[in-house]
Amino acid sequence: MQKFFTPIALAALVLALSGCGNTWYGVKEDTKRAGQATGQGIEKAGEKIQEIAK
């Protein structure tokens, strides 16, 4: 029974760790995109304020 369980447990561990790596990569990419979008929004708001101030 142990000969059957060990490869399955090892495969599950490998899948879990690879899933965590992919999730972390996705979180980093989403955060980067959100930061860029926020920066663009602030830039546009600043341009509108300059237009109104003229």
PDB file of N, CA and C in Angstrom:
ATOM      1  N   MET A   1       0.817  -1.197   0.000  1.00  0.00           N
ATOM      2  CA  MET A   1       0.000   0.000   0.000  1.00  0.00           C
ATOM      3  C   MET A   1       0.865   1.268   0.000  1.00  0.00           C
ATOM      4  N   GLN A   2       1.985   1.219   0.710  1.00  0.00           N
ATOM      5  CA  GLN A   2       2.849   2.393   0.776  1.00  0.00           C
ATOM      6  C   GLN A   2       3.493   2.672  -0.581  1.00  0.00           C
ATOM      7  N   LYS A   3       3.768   1.624  -1.359  1.00  0.00           N
ATOM      8  CA  LYS A   3       4.347   1.819  -2.688  1.00  0.00           C
ATOM      9  C   LYS A   3       3.364   2.554  -3.601  1.00  0.00           C
ATOM     10  N   PHE A   4       2.091   2.401  -3.342  1.00  0.00           N
ATOM     11  CA  PHE A   4       1.060   3.064  -4.127  1.00  0.00           C
ATOM     12  C   PHE A   4       0.861   4.511  -3.646  1.00  0.00           C
ATOM     13  N   PHE A   5       0.917   4.720  -2.348  1.00  0.00           N
ATOM     14  CA  PHE A   5       0.641   6.024  -1.753  1.00  0.00           C
ATOM     15  C   PHE A   5       1.757   7.042  -1.991  1.00  0.00           C
ATOM     16  N   THR A   6       2.993   6.627  -1.929  1.00  0.00           N
ATOM     17  CA  THR A   6       4.135   7.545  -2.028  1.00  0.00           C
ATOM     18  C   THR A   6       4.166   8.317  -3.358  1.00  0.00           C
ATOM     19  N   PRO A   7       4.037   7.659  -4.512  1.00  0.00           N
ATOM     20  CA  PRO A   7       4.058   8.435  -5.767  1.00  0.00           C
ATOM     21  C   PRO A   7       2.873   9.394  -5.891  1.00  0.00           C
ATOM     22  N   ILE A   8       1.727   8.989  -5.371  1.00  0.00           N
ATOM     23  CA  ILE A   8       0.553   9.864  -5.440  1.00  0.00           C
ATOM     24  C   ILE A   8       0.762  11.088  -4.552  1.00  0.00           C
ATOM     25  N   ALA A   9       1.297  10.870  -3.359  1.00  0.00           N
ATOM     26  CA  ALA A   9       1.560  11.989  -2.452  1.00  0.00           C
ATOM     27  C   ALA A   9       2.609  12.925  -3.046  1.00  0.00           C
ATOM     28  N   LEU A  10       3.622  12.378  -3.656  1.00  0.00           N
ATOM     29  CA  LEU A  10       4.662  13.193  -4.282  1.00  0.00           C
ATOM     30  C   LEU A  10       4.092  14.005  -5.443  1.00  0.00           C
ATOM     31  N   ALA A  11       3.268  13.389  -6.253  1.00  0.00           N
ATOM     32  CA  ALA A  11       2.648  14.096  -7.377  1.00  0.00           C
ATOM     33  C   ALA A  11       1.735  15.212  -6.872  1.00  0.00           C
ATOM     34  N   ALA A  12       0.985  14.962  -5.822  1.00  0.00           N
ATOM     35  CA  ALA A  12       0.107  15.990  -5.251  1.00  0.00           C
ATOM     36  C   ALA A  12       0.929  17.163  -4.718  1.00  0.00           C
ATOM     37  N   LEU A  13       2.047  16.868  -4.084  1.00  0.00           N
ATOM     38  CA  LEU A  13       2.915  17.918  -3.565  1.00  0.00           C
ATOM     39  C   LEU A  13       3.481  18.776  -4.694  1.00  0.00           C
ATOM     40  N   VAL A  14       3.927  18.131  -5.756  1.00  0.00           N
ATOM     41  CA  VAL A  14       4.476  18.866  -6.902  1.00  0.00           C
ATOM     42  C   VAL A  14       3.403  19.756  -7.529  1.00  0.00           C
ATOM     43  N   LEU A  15       2.206  19.250  -7.694  1.00  0.00           N
ATOM     44  CA  LEU A  15       1.117  20.050  -8.273  1.00  0.00           C
ATOM     45  C   LEU A  15       0.763  21.233  -7.373  1.00  0.00           C
ATOM     46  N   ALA A  16       0.715  20.993  -6.076  1.00  0.00           N
ATOM     47  CA  ALA A  16       0.381  22.067  -5.142  1.00  0.00           C
ATOM     48  C   ALA A  16       1.441  23.169  -5.182  1.00  0.00           C
ATOM     49  N   LEU A  17       2.699  22.788  -5.190  1.00  0.00           N
ATOM     50  CA  LEU A  17       3.763  23.795  -5.216  1.00  0.00           C
ATOM     51  C   LEU A  17       3.788  24.558  -6.531  1.00  0.00           C
ATOM     52  N   SER A  18       3.539  23.887  -7.636  1.00  0.00           N
ATOM     53  CA  SER A  18       3.526  24.597  -8.914  1.00  0.00           C
ATOM     54  C   SER A  18       2.323  25.531  -8.992  1.00  0.00           C
ATOM     55  N   GLY A  19       1.212  25.121  -8.410  1.00  0.00           N
ATOM     56  CA  GLY A  19       0.035  25.996  -8.373  1.00  0.00           C
ATOM     57  C   GLY A  19       0.298  27.246  -7.559  1.00  0.00           C
ATOM     58  N   CYS A  20       1.003  27.107  -6.455  1.00  0.00           N
ATOM     59  CA  CYS A  20       1.335  28.265  -5.622  1.00  0.00           C
ATOM     60  C   CYS A  20       2.243  29.229  -6.384  1.00  0.00           C
ATOM     61  N   GLY A  21       3.183  28.699  -7.128  1.00  0.00           N
ATOM     62  CA  GLY A  21       4.071  29.549  -7.913  1.00  0.00           C
ATOM     63  C   GLY A  21       3.318  30.318  -8.978  1.00  0.00           C
ATOM     64  N   ASN A  22       2.390  29.648  -9.647  1.00  0.00           N
ATOM     65  CA  ASN A  22       1.593  30.323 -10.672  1.00  0.00           C
ATOM     66  C   ASN A  22       0.694  31.385 -10.056  1.00  0.00           C
ATOM     67  N   THR A  23       0.142  31.089  -8.894  1.00  0.00           N
ATOM     68  CA  THR A  23      -0.722  32.054  -8.215  1.00  0.00           C
ATOM     69  C   THR A  23       0.078  33.288  -7.832  1.00  0.00           C
ATOM     70  N   TRP A  24       1.274  33.102  -7.287  1.00  0.00           N
ATOM     71  CA  TRP A  24       2.101  34.231  -6.889  1.00  0.00           C
ATOM     72  C   TRP A  24       2.471  35.083  -8.095  1.00  0.00           C
ATOM     73  N   TYR A  25       2.779  34.448  -9.210  1.00  0.00           N
ATOM     74  CA  TYR A  25       3.097  35.191 -10.431  1.00  0.00           C
ATOM     75  C   TYR A  25       1.883  36.017 -10.866  1.00  0.00           C
ATOM     76  N   GLY A  26       0.709  35.418 -10.812  1.00  0.00           N
ATOM     77  CA  GLY A  26      -0.513  36.133 -11.191  1.00  0.00           C
ATOM     78  C   GLY A  26      -0.790  37.322 -10.290  1.00  0.00           C
ATOM     79  N   VAL A  27      -0.572  37.155  -9.000  1.00  0.00           N
ATOM     80  CA  VAL A  27      -0.780  38.252  -8.051  1.00  0.00           C
ATOM     81  C   VAL A  27       0.166  39.408  -8.376  1.00  0.00           C
ATOM     82  N   LYS A  28       1.415  39.088  -8.658  1.00  0.00           N
ATOM     83  CA  LYS A  28       2.379  40.140  -8.982  1.00  0.00           C
ATOM     84  C   LYS A  28       1.971  40.887 -10.253  1.00  0.00           C
ATOM     85  N   GLU A  29       1.534  40.144 -11.264  1.00  0.00           N
ATOM     86  CA  GLU A  29       1.126  40.789 -12.521  1.00  0.00           C
ATOM     87  C   GLU A  29      -0.110  41.663 -12.319  1.00  0.00           C
ATOM     88  N   ASP A  30      -1.085  41.174 -11.569  1.00  0.00           N
ATOM     89  CA  ASP A  30      -2.297  41.954 -11.315  1.00  0.00           C
ATOM     90  C   ASP A  30      -1.976  43.226 -10.554  1.00  0.00           C
ATOM     91  N   THR A  31      -1.089  43.122  -9.586  1.00  0.00           N
ATOM     92  CA  THR A  31      -0.704  44.296  -8.805  1.00  0.00           C
ATOM     93  C   THR A  31       0.005  45.319  -9.671  1.00  0.00           C
ATOM     94  N   LYS A  32       0.861  44.840 -10.556  1.00  0.00           N
ATOM     95  CA  LYS A  32       1.576  45.744 -11.457  1.00  0.00           C
ATOM     96  C   LYS A  32       0.593  46.478 -12.372  1.00  0.00           C
ATOM     97  N   ARG A  33      -0.362  45.754 -12.920  1.00  0.00           N
ATOM     98  CA  ARG A  33      -1.356  46.375 -13.812  1.00  0.00           C
ATOM     99  C   ARG A  33      -2.238  47.360 -13.061  1.00  0.00           C
ATOM    100  N   ALA A  34      -2.615  47.008 -11.844  1.00  0.00           N
ATOM    101  CA  ALA A  34      -3.440  47.920 -11.052  1.00  0.00           C
ATOM    102  C   ALA A  34      -2.681  49.206 -10.747  1.00  0.00           C
ATOM    103  N   GLY A  35      -1.403  49.091 -10.448  1.00  0.00           N
ATOM    104  CA  GLY A  35      -0.587  50.274 -10.193  1.00  0.00           C
ATOM    105  C   GLY A  35      -0.464  51.161 -11.418  1.00  0.00           C
ATOM    106  N   GLN A  36      -0.308  50.543 -12.565  1.00  0.00           N
ATOM    107  CA  GLN A  36      -0.214  51.313 -13.804  1.00  0.00           C
ATOM    108  C   GLN A  36      -1.535  52.021 -14.101  1.00  0.00           C
ATOM    109  N   ALA A  37      -2.644  51.332 -13.897  1.00  0.00           N
ATOM    110  CA  ALA A  37      -3.954  51.931 -14.149  1.00  0.00           C
ATOM    111  C   ALA A  37      -4.205  53.092 -13.196  1.00  0.00           C
ATOM    112  N   THR A  38      -3.794  52.937 -11.946  1.00  0.00           N
ATOM    113  CA  THR A  38      -3.960  54.005 -10.974  1.00  0.00           C
ATOM    114  C   THR A  38      -3.127  55.221 -11.379  1.00  0.00           C
ATOM    115  N   GLY A  39      -1.903  54.983 -11.805  1.00  0.00           N
ATOM    116  CA  GLY A  39      -1.045  56.079 -12.255  1.00  0.00           C
ATOM    117  C   GLY A  39      -1.633  56.821 -13.443  1.00  0.00           C
ATOM    118  N   GLN A  40      -2.206  56.092 -14.371  1.00  0.00           N
ATOM    119  CA  GLN A  40      -2.816  56.724 -15.540  1.00  0.00           C
ATOM    120  C   GLN A  40      -4.030  57.546 -15.132  1.00  0.00           C
ATOM    121  N   GLY A  41      -4.810  57.025 -14.190  1.00  0.00           N
ATOM    122  CA  GLY A  41      -5.977  57.765 -13.706  1.00  0.00           C
ATOM    123  C   GLY A  41      -5.574  59.055 -13.018  1.00  0.00           C
ATOM    124  N   ILE A  42      -4.532  59.006 -12.210  1.00  0.00           N
ATOM    125  CA  ILE A  42      -4.049  60.209 -11.526  1.00  0.00           C
ATOM    126  C   ILE A  42      -3.523  61.219 -12.541  1.00  0.00           C
ATOM    127  N   GLU A  43      -2.847  60.719 -13.559  1.00  0.00           N
ATOM    128  CA  GLU A  43      -2.323  61.610 -14.596  1.00  0.00           C
ATOM    129  C   GLU A  43      -3.456  62.317 -15.331  1.00  0.00           C
ATOM    130  N   LYS A  44      -4.491  61.581 -15.682  1.00  0.00           N
ATOM    131  CA  LYS A  44      -5.636  62.183 -16.375  1.00  0.00           C
ATOM    132  C   LYS A  44      -6.341  63.199 -15.487  1.00  0.00           C
ATOM    133  N   ALA A  45      -6.463  62.890 -14.202  1.00  0.00           N
ATOM    134  CA  ALA A  45      -7.099  63.822 -13.277  1.00  0.00           C
ATOM    135  C   ALA A  45      -6.287  65.108 -13.181  1.00  0.00           C
ATOM    136  N   GLY A  46      -4.974  64.982 -13.149  1.00  0.00           N
ATOM    137  CA  GLY A  46      -4.116  66.168 -13.108  1.00  0.00           C
ATOM    138  C   GLY A  46      -4.269  67.017 -14.358  1.00  0.00           C
ATOM    139  N   GLU A  47      -4.393  66.379 -15.508  1.00  0.00           N
ATOM    140  CA  GLU A  47      -4.593  67.117 -16.759  1.00  0.00           C
ATOM    141  C   GLU A  47      -5.916  67.864 -16.741  1.00  0.00           C
ATOM    142  N   LYS A  48      -6.957  67.241 -16.219  1.00  0.00           N
ATOM    143  CA  LYS A  48      -8.272  67.899 -16.150  1.00  0.00           C
ATOM    144  C   LYS A  48      -8.217  69.100 -15.211  1.00  0.00           C
ATOM    145  N   ILE A  49      -7.511  68.932 -14.106  1.00  0.00           N
ATOM    146  CA  ILE A  49      -7.394  70.054 -13.165  1.00  0.00           C
ATOM    147  C   ILE A  49      -6.653  71.215 -13.818  1.00  0.00           C
ATOM    148  N   GLN A  50      -5.615  70.930 -14.599  1.00  0.00           N
ATOM    149  CA  GLN A  50      -4.885  71.981 -15.292  1.00  0.00           C
ATOM    150  C   GLN A  50      -5.777  72.685 -16.315  1.00  0.00           C
ATOM    151  N   GLU A  51      -6.617  71.933 -17.010  1.00  0.00           N
ATOM    152  CA  GLU A  51      -7.535  72.511 -17.990  1.00  0.00           C
ATOM    153  C   GLU A  51      -8.530  73.441 -17.304  1.00  0.00           C
ATOM    154  N   ILE A  52      -9.042  73.009 -16.161  1.00  0.00           N
ATOM    155  CA  ILE A  52     -10.032  73.817 -15.433  1.00  0.00           C
ATOM    156  C   ILE A  52      -9.369  75.083 -14.890  1.00  0.00           C
ATOM    157  N   ALA A  53      -8.135  74.978 -14.461  1.00  0.00           N
ATOM    158  CA  ALA A  53      -7.441  76.109 -13.856  1.00  0.00           C
ATOM    159  C   ALA A  53      -7.106  77.214 -14.880  1.00  0.00           C
ATOM    160  N   LYS A  54      -7.086  76.877 -16.159  1.00  0.00           N
ATOM    161  CA  LYS A  54      -6.735  77.874 -17.186  1.00  0.00           C
ATOM    162  C   LYS A  54      -7.819  78.864 -17.402  1.00  0.00           C
TER     163      LYS A  54
END
